[in-house]
Amino acid sequence: PIRLTLPDGALVLYNGIIALNETPTLTKGQ
């Protein structure tokens, strides 16, 4: 489950499969 809490307190609730790419982007100056 994933919860998105918006600035006004509203919620959006999701359920999903997470995939994390652990290799960071490497762009000079960013």
PDB file of all heavy atoms in Angstrom:
ATOM      1  N   PRO A   1       0.823  -1.208   0.000  1.00  0.00           N
ATOM      2  CA  PRO A   1       0.000   0.000   0.000  1.00  0.00           C
ATOM      3  C   PRO A   1       0.861   1.263   0.000  1.00  0.00           C
ATOM      4  O   PRO A   1       1.912   1.316   0.640  1.00  0.00           O
ATOM      5  CB  PRO A   1      -0.801  -0.121   1.299  1.00  0.00           C
ATOM      6  CG  PRO A   1      -0.794  -1.581   1.626  1.00  0.00           C
ATOM      7  CD  PRO A   1       0.560  -2.052   1.185  1.00  0.00           C
ATOM      8  N   ILE A   2       0.379   2.273  -0.722  1.00  0.00           N
ATOM      9  CA  ILE A   2       1.055   3.576  -0.804  1.00  0.00           C
ATOM     10  C   ILE A   2       0.031   4.651  -0.490  1.00  0.00           C
ATOM     11  O   ILE A   2      -1.113   4.591  -0.946  1.00  0.00           O
ATOM     12  CB  ILE A   2       1.653   3.812  -2.210  1.00  0.00           C
ATOM     13  CG1 ILE A   2       2.702   2.747  -2.538  1.00  0.00           C
ATOM     14  CG2 ILE A   2       2.269   5.204  -2.312  1.00  0.00           C
ATOM     15  CD1 ILE A   2       2.183   1.627  -3.377  1.00  0.00           C
ATOM     16  N   ARG A   3       0.453   5.638   0.293  1.00  0.00           N
ATOM     17  CA  ARG A   3      -0.442   6.739   0.665  1.00  0.00           C
ATOM     18  C   ARG A   3       0.155   8.065   0.193  1.00  0.00           C
ATOM     19  O   ARG A   3       1.292   8.379   0.504  1.00  0.00           O
ATOM     20  CB  ARG A   3      -0.620   6.773   2.186  1.00  0.00           C
ATOM     21  CG  ARG A   3      -1.538   7.893   2.696  1.00  0.00           C
ATOM     22  CD  ARG A   3      -1.601   7.869   4.224  1.00  0.00           C
ATOM     23  NE  ARG A   3      -0.311   8.241   4.819  1.00  0.00           N
ATOM     24  CZ  ARG A   3      -0.031   8.144   6.121  1.00  0.00           C
ATOM     25  NH1 ARG A   3      -0.931   7.670   6.960  1.00  0.00           N
ATOM     26  NH2 ARG A   3       1.164   8.499   6.581  1.00  0.00           N
ATOM     27  N   LEU A   4      -0.641   8.813  -0.555  1.00  0.00           N
ATOM     28  CA  LEU A   4      -0.272  10.164  -0.962  1.00  0.00           C
ATOM     29  C   LEU A   4      -1.142  11.139  -0.173  1.00  0.00           C
ATOM     30  O   LEU A   4      -2.364  11.106  -0.282  1.00  0.00           O
ATOM     31  CB  LEU A   4      -0.491  10.359  -2.464  1.00  0.00           C
ATOM     32  CG  LEU A   4      -0.374  11.790  -3.007  1.00  0.00           C
ATOM     33  CD1 LEU A   4       1.016  12.351  -2.776  1.00  0.00           C
ATOM     34  CD2 LEU A   4      -0.740  11.831  -4.487  1.00  0.00           C
ATOM     35  N   THR A   5      -0.491  11.966   0.641  1.00  0.00           N
ATOM     36  CA  THR A   5      -1.207  12.972   1.424  1.00  0.00           C
ATOM     37  C   THR A   5      -0.974  14.332   0.790  1.00  0.00           C
ATOM     38  O   THR A   5       0.170  14.811   0.719  1.00  0.00           O
ATOM     39  CB  THR A   5      -0.711  12.996   2.884  1.00  0.00           C
ATOM     40  OG1 THR A   5      -0.800  11.666   3.436  1.00  0.00           O
ATOM     41  CG2 THR A   5      -1.561  13.935   3.721  1.00  0.00           C
ATOM     42  N   LEU A   6      -2.030  14.947   0.300  1.00  0.00           N
ATOM     43  CA  LEU A   6      -1.931  16.239  -0.372  1.00  0.00           C
ATOM     44  C   LEU A   6      -1.886  17.374   0.657  1.00  0.00           C
ATOM     45  O   LEU A   6      -2.224  17.177   1.828  1.00  0.00           O
ATOM     46  CB  LEU A   6      -3.111  16.403  -1.324  1.00  0.00           C
ATOM     47  CG  LEU A   6      -3.169  15.348  -2.449  1.00  0.00           C
ATOM     48  CD1 LEU A   6      -4.442  15.514  -3.270  1.00  0.00           C
ATOM     49  CD2 LEU A   6      -1.937  15.423  -3.328  1.00  0.00           C
ATOM     50  N   PRO A   7      -1.467  18.565   0.239  1.00  0.00           N
ATOM     51  CA  PRO A   7      -1.302  19.658   1.195  1.00  0.00           C
ATOM     52  C   PRO A   7      -2.561  20.013   1.984  1.00  0.00           C
ATOM     53  O   PRO A   7      -2.481  20.488   3.114  1.00  0.00           O
ATOM     54  CB  PRO A   7      -0.855  20.834   0.316  1.00  0.00           C
ATOM     55  CG  PRO A   7      -0.188  20.187  -0.849  1.00  0.00           C
ATOM     56  CD  PRO A   7      -0.963  18.922  -1.100  1.00  0.00           C
ATOM     57  N   ASP A   8      -3.745  19.784   1.400  1.00  0.00           N
ATOM     58  CA  ASP A   8      -4.986  20.099   2.105  1.00  0.00           C
ATOM     59  C   ASP A   8      -5.471  18.957   2.995  1.00  0.00           C
ATOM     60  O   ASP A   8      -6.559  19.020   3.554  1.00  0.00           O
ATOM     61  CB  ASP A   8      -6.077  20.498   1.119  1.00  0.00           C
ATOM     62  CG  ASP A   8      -6.448  19.376   0.142  1.00  0.00           C
ATOM     63  OD1 ASP A   8      -5.831  18.292   0.220  1.00  0.00           O
ATOM     64  OD2 ASP A   8      -7.341  19.587  -0.701  1.00  0.00           O
ATOM     65  N   GLY A   9      -4.665  17.891   3.109  1.00  0.00           N
ATOM     66  CA  GLY A   9      -5.034  16.748   3.934  1.00  0.00           C
ATOM     67  C   GLY A   9      -5.766  15.651   3.194  1.00  0.00           C
ATOM     68  O   GLY A   9      -6.017  14.592   3.768  1.00  0.00           O
ATOM     69  N   ALA A  10      -6.123  15.885   1.936  1.00  0.00           N
ATOM     70  CA  ALA A  10      -6.780  14.845   1.145  1.00  0.00           C
ATOM     71  C   ALA A  10      -5.821  13.681   0.915  1.00  0.00           C
ATOM     72  O   ALA A  10      -4.597  13.859   0.883  1.00  0.00           O
ATOM     73  CB  ALA A  10      -7.245  15.415  -0.194  1.00  0.00           C
ATOM     74  N   LEU A  11      -6.391  12.487   0.752  1.00  0.00           N
ATOM     75  CA  LEU A  11      -5.597  11.285   0.576  1.00  0.00           C
ATOM     76  C   LEU A  11      -5.887  10.643  -0.774  1.00  0.00           C
ATOM     77  O   LEU A  11      -7.018  10.654  -1.249  1.00  0.00           O
ATOM     78  CB  LEU A  11      -5.909  10.256   1.664  1.00  0.00           C
ATOM     79  CG  LEU A  11      -5.663  10.631   3.126  1.00  0.00           C
ATOM     80  CD1 LEU A  11      -6.070   9.474   4.034  1.00  0.00           C
ATOM     81  CD2 LEU A  11      -4.209  11.011   3.358  1.00  0.00           C
ATOM     82  N   VAL A  12      -4.841  10.065  -1.363  1.00  0.00           N
ATOM     83  CA  VAL A  12      -4.998   9.146  -2.493  1.00  0.00           C
ATOM     84  C   VAL A  12      -4.284   7.864  -2.075  1.00  0.00           C
ATOM     85  O   VAL A  12      -3.103   7.898  -1.702  1.00  0.00           O
ATOM     86  CB  VAL A  12      -4.405   9.689  -3.801  1.00  0.00           C
ATOM     87  CG1 VAL A  12      -4.786   8.770  -4.968  1.00  0.00           C
ATOM     88  CG2 VAL A  12      -4.869  11.110  -4.069  1.00  0.00           C
ATOM     89  N   LEU A  13      -5.007   6.742  -2.127  1.00  0.00           N
ATOM     90  CA  LEU A  13      -4.498   5.471  -1.618  1.00  0.00           C
ATOM     91  C   LEU A  13      -4.327   4.493  -2.771  1.00  0.00           C
ATOM     92  O   LEU A  13      -5.253   4.279  -3.558  1.00  0.00           O
ATOM     93  CB  LEU A  13      -5.458   4.907  -0.574  1.00  0.00           C
ATOM     94  CG  LEU A  13      -5.747   5.850   0.604  1.00  0.00           C
ATOM     95  CD1 LEU A  13      -6.899   5.318   1.443  1.00  0.00           C
ATOM     96  CD2 LEU A  13      -4.499   6.047   1.457  1.00  0.00           C
ATOM     97  N   TYR A  14      -3.132   3.905  -2.852  1.00  0.00           N
ATOM     98  CA  TYR A  14      -2.797   3.002  -3.935  1.00  0.00           C
ATOM     99  C   TYR A  14      -2.365   1.652  -3.362  1.00  0.00           C
ATOM    100  O   TYR A  14      -2.023   1.541  -2.190  1.00  0.00           O
ATOM    101  CB  TYR A  14      -1.631   3.548  -4.768  1.00  0.00           C
ATOM    102  CG  TYR A  14      -1.776   4.955  -5.266  1.00  0.00           C
ATOM    103  CD1 TYR A  14      -1.248   6.033  -4.535  1.00  0.00           C
ATOM    104  CD2 TYR A  14      -2.391   5.238  -6.474  1.00  0.00           C
ATOM    105  CE1 TYR A  14      -1.348   7.338  -4.998  1.00  0.00           C
ATOM    106  CE2 TYR A  14      -2.486   6.549  -6.956  1.00  0.00           C
ATOM    107  CZ  TYR A  14      -1.960   7.591  -6.203  1.00  0.00           C
ATOM    108  OH  TYR A  14      -2.062   8.870  -6.673  1.00  0.00           O
ATOM    109  N   ASN A  15      -2.314   0.648  -4.226  1.00  0.00           N
ATOM    110  CA  ASN A  15      -1.751  -0.645  -3.872  1.00  0.00           C
ATOM    111  C   ASN A  15      -1.001  -1.140  -5.099  1.00  0.00           C
ATOM    112  O   ASN A  15      -1.589  -1.273  -6.177  1.00  0.00           O
ATOM    113  CB  ASN A  15      -2.832  -1.638  -3.464  1.00  0.00           C
ATOM    114  CG  ASN A  15      -2.371  -2.604  -2.388  1.00  0.00           C
ATOM    115  OD1 ASN A  15      -1.195  -2.660  -2.051  1.00  0.00           O
ATOM    116  ND2 ASN A  15      -3.289  -3.378  -1.843  1.00  0.00           N
ATOM    117  N   GLY A  16       0.296  -1.378  -4.955  1.00  0.00           N
ATOM    118  CA  GLY A  16       1.062  -1.741  -6.131  1.00  0.00           C
ATOM    119  C   GLY A  16       2.332  -2.492  -5.810  1.00  0.00           C
ATOM    120  O   GLY A  16       2.697  -2.685  -4.647  1.00  0.00           O
ATOM    121  N   ILE A  17       3.008  -2.912  -6.853  1.00  0.00           N
ATOM    122  CA  ILE A  17       4.279  -3.608  -6.754  1.00  0.00           C
ATOM    123  C   ILE A  17       5.387  -2.604  -7.044  1.00  0.00           C
ATOM    124  O   ILE A  17       5.380  -1.931  -8.082  1.00  0.00           O
ATOM    125  CB  ILE A  17       4.334  -4.794  -7.732  1.00  0.00           C
ATOM    126  CG1 ILE A  17       3.242  -5.807  -7.379  1.00  0.00           C
ATOM    127  CG2 ILE A  17       5.706  -5.456  -7.704  1.00  0.00           C
ATOM    128  CD1 ILE A  17       3.075  -6.913  -8.402  1.00  0.00           C
ATOM    129  N   ILE A  18       6.335  -2.495  -6.124  1.00  0.00           N
ATOM    130  CA  ILE A  18       7.384  -1.487  -6.196  1.00  0.00           C
ATOM    131  C   ILE A  18       8.655  -2.084  -6.784  1.00  0.00           C
ATOM    132  O   ILE A  18       9.057  -3.201  -6.446  1.00  0.00           O
ATOM    133  CB  ILE A  18       7.667  -0.914  -4.796  1.00  0.00           C
ATOM    134  CG1 ILE A  18       6.439  -0.148  -4.285  1.00  0.00           C
ATOM    135  CG2 ILE A  18       8.893  -0.004  -4.803  1.00  0.00           C
ATOM    136  CD1 ILE A  18       6.539   0.303  -2.840  1.00  0.00           C
ATOM    137  N   ALA A  19       9.282  -1.330  -7.675  1.00  0.00           N
ATOM    138  CA  ALA A  19      10.596  -1.692  -8.212  1.00  0.00           C
ATOM    139  C   ALA A  19      11.513  -0.486  -8.044  1.00  0.00           C
ATOM    140  O   ALA A  19      11.180   0.620  -8.486  1.00  0.00           O
ATOM    141  CB  ALA A  19      10.500  -2.095  -9.681  1.00  0.00           C
ATOM    142  N   LEU A  20      12.645  -0.684  -7.387  1.00  0.00           N
ATOM    143  CA  LEU A  20      13.597   0.399  -7.127  1.00  0.00           C
ATOM    144  C   LEU A  20      14.857   0.176  -7.948  1.00  0.00           C
ATOM    145  O   LEU A  20      15.504  -0.871  -7.844  1.00  0.00           O
ATOM    146  CB  LEU A  20      13.947   0.456  -5.643  1.00  0.00           C
ATOM    147  CG  LEU A  20      15.025   1.475  -5.236  1.00  0.00           C
ATOM    148  CD1 LEU A  20      14.533   2.898  -5.488  1.00  0.00           C
ATOM    149  CD2 LEU A  20      15.423   1.288  -3.779  1.00  0.00           C
ATOM    150  N   ASN A  21      15.211   1.164  -8.771  1.00  0.00           N
ATOM    151  CA  ASN A  21      16.483   1.155  -9.485  1.00  0.00           C
ATOM    152  C   ASN A  21      17.505   1.865  -8.602  1.00  0.00           C
ATOM    153  O   ASN A  21      17.451   3.080  -8.434  1.00  0.00           O
ATOM    154  CB  ASN A  21      16.337   1.863 -10.835  1.00  0.00           C
ATOM    155  CG  ASN A  21      17.613   1.821 -11.657  1.00  0.00           C
ATOM    156  OD1 ASN A  21      18.683   1.497 -11.149  1.00  0.00           O
ATOM    157  ND2 ASN A  21      17.505   2.163 -12.923  1.00  0.00           N
ATOM    158  N   GLU A  22      18.419   1.105  -8.038  1.00  0.00           N
ATOM    159  CA  GLU A  22      19.352   1.657  -7.058  1.00  0.00           C
ATOM    160  C   GLU A  22      20.531   2.403  -7.679  1.00  0.00           C
ATOM    161  O   GLU A  22      21.319   3.018  -6.950  1.00  0.00           O
ATOM    162  CB  GLU A  22      19.874   0.535  -6.161  1.00  0.00           C
ATOM    163  CG  GLU A  22      18.790  -0.135  -5.346  1.00  0.00           C
ATOM    164  CD  GLU A  22      19.350  -1.206  -4.437  1.00  0.00           C
ATOM    165  OE1 GLU A  22      20.106  -0.851  -3.508  1.00  0.00           O
ATOM    166  OE2 GLU A  22      19.049  -2.395  -4.667  1.00  0.00           O
ATOM    167  N   THR A  23      20.667   2.363  -8.989  1.00  0.00           N
ATOM    168  CA  THR A  23      21.749   3.096  -9.641  1.00  0.00           C
ATOM    169  C   THR A  23      21.329   4.548  -9.841  1.00  0.00           C
ATOM    170  O   THR A  23      20.359   4.819 -10.560  1.00  0.00           O
ATOM    171  CB  THR A  23      22.101   2.469 -11.000  1.00  0.00           C
ATOM    172  OG1 THR A  23      22.479   1.105 -10.792  1.00  0.00           O
ATOM    173  CG2 THR A  23      23.238   3.223 -11.664  1.00  0.00           C
ATOM    174  N   PRO A  24      22.021   5.508  -9.230  1.00  0.00           N
ATOM    175  CA  PRO A  24      21.604   6.908  -9.368  1.00  0.00           C
ATOM    176  C   PRO A  24      21.972   7.486 -10.726  1.00  0.00           C
ATOM    177  O   PRO A  24      22.908   7.023 -11.392  1.00  0.00           O
ATOM    178  CB  PRO A  24      22.386   7.616  -8.248  1.00  0.00           C
ATOM    179  CG  PRO A  24      23.606   6.770  -8.060  1.00  0.00           C
ATOM    180  CD  PRO A  24      23.177   5.362  -8.326  1.00  0.00           C
ATOM    181  N   THR A  25      21.226   8.495 -11.123  1.00  0.00           N
ATOM    182  CA  THR A  25      21.590   9.258 -12.316  1.00  0.00           C
ATOM    183  C   THR A  25      22.825  10.093 -11.999  1.00  0.00           C
ATOM    184  O   THR A  25      23.004  10.574 -10.872  1.00  0.00           O
ATOM    185  CB  THR A  25      20.450  10.187 -12.742  1.00  0.00           C
ATOM    186  OG1 THR A  25      20.121  11.069 -11.650  1.00  0.00           O
ATOM    187  CG2 THR A  25      19.211   9.394 -13.129  1.00  0.00           C
ATOM    188  N   LEU A  26      23.674  10.264 -12.986  1.00  0.00           N
ATOM    189  CA  LEU A  26      24.914  11.023 -12.802  1.00  0.00           C
ATOM    190  C   LEU A  26      25.024  12.042 -13.921  1.00  0.00           C
ATOM    191  O   LEU A  26      25.601  11.767 -14.979  1.00  0.00           O
ATOM    192  CB  LEU A  26      26.129  10.090 -12.802  1.00  0.00           C
ATOM    193  CG  LEU A  26      26.160   8.993 -11.736  1.00  0.00           C
ATOM    194  CD1 LEU A  26      27.313   8.041 -11.975  1.00  0.00           C
ATOM    195  CD2 LEU A  26      26.246   9.600 -10.341  1.00  0.00           C
ATOM    196  N   THR A  27      24.441  13.205 -13.711  1.00  0.00           N
ATOM    197  CA  THR A  27      24.489  14.290 -14.680  1.00  0.00           C
ATOM    198  C   THR A  27      25.198  15.471 -14.042  1.00  0.00           C
ATOM    199  O   THR A  27      24.789  15.941 -12.975  1.00  0.00           O
ATOM    200  CB  THR A  27      23.073  14.704 -15.120  1.00  0.00           C
ATOM    201  OG1 THR A  27      22.396  13.554 -15.647  1.00  0.00           O
ATOM    202  CG2 THR A  27      23.133  15.789 -16.178  1.00  0.00           C
ATOM    203  N   LYS A  28      26.264  15.934 -14.663  1.00  0.00           N
ATOM    204  CA  LYS A  28      27.077  16.996 -14.096  1.00  0.00           C
ATOM    205  C   LYS A  28      26.224  18.214 -13.741  1.00  0.00           C
ATOM    206  O   LYS A  28      25.417  18.681 -14.541  1.00  0.00           O
ATOM    207  CB  LYS A  28      28.171  17.404 -15.084  1.00  0.00           C
ATOM    208  CG  LYS A  28      29.178  18.412 -14.534  1.00  0.00           C
ATOM    209  CD  LYS A  28      30.271  18.680 -15.536  1.00  0.00           C
ATOM    210  CE  LYS A  28      31.253  19.726 -15.030  1.00  0.00           C
ATOM    211  NZ  LYS A  28      32.011  19.251 -13.841  1.00  0.00           N
ATOM    212  N   GLY A  29      26.370  18.657 -12.508  1.00  0.00           N
ATOM    213  CA  GLY A  29      25.662  19.851 -12.060  1.00  0.00           C
ATOM    214  C   GLY A  29      24.236  19.603 -11.617  1.00  0.00           C
ATOM    215  O   GLY A  29      23.531  20.554 -11.278  1.00  0.00           O
ATOM    216  N   GLN A  30      23.783  18.331 -11.624  1.00  0.00           N
ATOM    217  CA  GLN A  30      22.424  18.025 -11.210  1.00  0.00           C
ATOM    218  C   GLN A  30      22.427  17.034 -10.050  1.00  0.00           C
ATOM    219  O   GLN A  30      23.373  16.255  -9.874  1.00  0.00           O
ATOM    220  CB  GLN A  30      21.614  17.453 -12.371  1.00  0.00           C
ATOM    221  CG  GLN A  30      21.413  18.449 -13.511  1.00  0.00           C
ATOM    222  CD  GLN A  30      20.492  17.911 -14.588  1.00  0.00           C
ATOM    223  OE1 GLN A  30      19.760  16.952 -14.384  1.00  0.00           O
ATOM    224  NE2 GLN A  30      20.516  18.531 -15.752  1.00  0.00           N
TER     225      GLN A  30
END
